[in-house]
């Protein structure tokens, strides 16, 4: 297996960073919403 010497294009790096950040944000919002729903259901 030959190792690639050319660097990754900035577009792909930026896109991967954006997708990772977006996924983390969505997961955080979903976890908070789910926890809030459980809390409300448990209290009510």
N, C-alpha and C. Protein backbone atom coordinates (compact mmCIF):
# COMPACT_ATOMS: atom_id res chain seq x y z
N UNK A 1 0.85 -1.20 0.00
CA UNK A 1 0.00 0.00 0.00
C UNK A 1 0.89 1.25 0.00
N UNK A 2 0.77 2.01 -1.06
CA UNK A 2 1.56 3.24 -1.15
C UNK A 2 0.88 4.35 -0.37
N UNK A 3 1.71 5.13 0.32
CA UNK A 3 1.15 6.22 1.10
C UNK A 3 0.98 7.45 0.21
N UNK A 4 -0.15 8.13 0.36
CA UNK A 4 -0.39 9.32 -0.46
C UNK A 4 0.40 10.49 0.11
N UNK A 5 1.07 11.20 -0.79
CA UNK A 5 1.88 12.34 -0.35
C UNK A 5 1.13 13.65 -0.57
N UNK A 6 0.14 13.63 -1.47
CA UNK A 6 -0.59 14.89 -1.73
C UNK A 6 -1.56 15.17 -0.59
N UNK A 7 -1.62 16.42 -0.15
CA UNK A 7 -2.52 16.76 0.96
C UNK A 7 -3.98 16.72 0.51
N UNK A 8 -4.86 16.56 1.48
CA UNK A 8 -6.29 16.53 1.18
C UNK A 8 -6.75 17.93 0.77
N UNK A 9 -7.67 18.01 -0.17
CA UNK A 9 -8.17 19.32 -0.61
C UNK A 9 -8.87 20.04 0.55
N UNK A 10 -8.69 21.36 0.63
CA UNK A 10 -9.32 22.13 1.72
C UNK A 10 -10.84 21.97 1.72
N UNK A 11 -11.43 21.80 0.53
CA UNK A 11 -12.89 21.67 0.45
C UNK A 11 -13.36 20.43 1.18
N UNK A 12 -12.68 19.31 0.95
CA UNK A 12 -13.08 18.07 1.63
C UNK A 12 -12.87 18.20 3.13
N UNK A 13 -11.77 18.82 3.52
CA UNK A 13 -11.49 18.98 4.95
C UNK A 13 -12.56 19.86 5.59
N UNK A 14 -12.91 20.95 4.90
CA UNK A 14 -13.93 21.87 5.43
C UNK A 14 -15.28 21.18 5.48
N UNK A 15 -15.59 20.40 4.44
CA UNK A 15 -16.87 19.70 4.38
C UNK A 15 -16.96 18.66 5.50
N UNK A 16 -15.86 17.93 5.72
CA UNK A 16 -15.86 16.92 6.77
C UNK A 16 -16.03 17.57 8.15
N UNK A 17 -15.36 18.71 8.34
CA UNK A 17 -15.47 19.44 9.62
C UNK A 17 -16.89 19.94 9.82
N UNK A 18 -17.50 20.47 8.74
CA UNK A 18 -18.86 20.98 8.83
C UNK A 18 -19.85 19.86 9.14
N UNK A 19 -19.67 18.71 8.47
CA UNK A 19 -20.58 17.59 8.71
C UNK A 19 -20.43 17.08 10.14
N UNK A 20 -19.19 17.00 10.62
CA UNK A 20 -18.97 16.54 11.99
C UNK A 20 -19.58 17.50 13.01
N UNK A 21 -19.41 18.79 12.77
CA UNK A 21 -19.95 19.79 13.69
C UNK A 21 -21.48 19.75 13.66
N UNK A 22 -22.06 19.62 12.45
CA UNK A 22 -23.51 19.56 12.31
C UNK A 22 -24.07 18.33 13.01
N UNK A 23 -23.40 17.19 12.82
CA UNK A 23 -23.86 15.94 13.45
C UNK A 23 -23.80 16.06 14.97
N UNK A 24 -22.73 16.67 15.48
CA UNK A 24 -22.60 16.84 16.93
C UNK A 24 -23.71 17.75 17.46
N UNK A 25 -24.01 18.81 16.73
CA UNK A 25 -25.07 19.72 17.14
C UNK A 25 -26.43 19.04 17.14
N UNK A 26 -26.70 18.28 16.09
CA UNK A 26 -27.98 17.57 15.99
C UNK A 26 -28.10 16.55 17.12
N UNK A 27 -27.02 15.83 17.40
CA UNK A 27 -27.05 14.82 18.46
C UNK A 27 -27.28 15.48 19.82
N UNK A 28 -26.65 16.64 20.03
CA UNK A 28 -26.82 17.34 21.31
C UNK A 28 -28.26 17.82 21.48
N UNK A 29 -28.81 18.42 20.42
CA UNK A 29 -30.19 18.90 20.48
C UNK A 29 -31.15 17.74 20.69
N UNK A 30 -30.93 16.63 20.01
CA UNK A 30 -31.80 15.46 20.15
C UNK A 30 -31.72 14.90 21.57
N UNK A 31 -30.51 14.83 22.12
CA UNK A 31 -30.33 14.30 23.48
C UNK A 31 -31.01 15.22 24.50
N UNK A 32 -30.86 16.53 24.32
CA UNK A 32 -31.48 17.48 25.25
C UNK A 32 -33.01 17.39 25.15
N UNK A 33 -33.53 17.32 23.94
CA UNK A 33 -34.98 17.24 23.75
C UNK A 33 -35.52 15.93 24.35
N UNK A 34 -34.79 14.83 24.14
CA UNK A 34 -35.23 13.54 24.67
C UNK A 34 -35.19 13.55 26.20
N UNK A 35 -34.13 14.11 26.76
CA UNK A 35 -34.02 14.19 28.22
C UNK A 35 -35.10 15.09 28.80
N UNK A 36 -35.39 16.20 28.12
CA UNK A 36 -36.43 17.12 28.60
C UNK A 36 -37.79 16.44 28.56
N UNK A 37 -38.03 15.65 27.49
CA UNK A 37 -39.32 14.95 27.37
C UNK A 37 -39.44 13.91 28.49
N UNK A 38 -38.35 13.21 28.78
CA UNK A 38 -38.40 12.22 29.86
C UNK A 38 -38.63 12.92 31.20
N UNK A 39 -37.98 14.07 31.39
CA UNK A 39 -38.13 14.80 32.64
C UNK A 39 -39.57 15.28 32.81
N UNK A 40 -40.13 15.85 31.75
CA UNK A 40 -41.51 16.32 31.80
C UNK A 40 -42.47 15.16 32.03
N UNK A 41 -42.23 14.05 31.35
CA UNK A 41 -43.11 12.88 31.51
C UNK A 41 -42.98 12.33 32.93
N UNK A 42 -41.77 12.36 33.47
CA UNK A 42 -41.57 11.84 34.82
C UNK A 42 -42.20 12.74 35.88
N UNK A 43 -42.09 14.07 35.67
CA UNK A 43 -42.65 15.02 36.64
C UNK A 43 -44.16 15.03 36.54
N UNK A 44 -44.67 15.09 35.32
CA UNK A 44 -46.11 15.17 35.12
C UNK A 44 -46.74 13.80 35.29
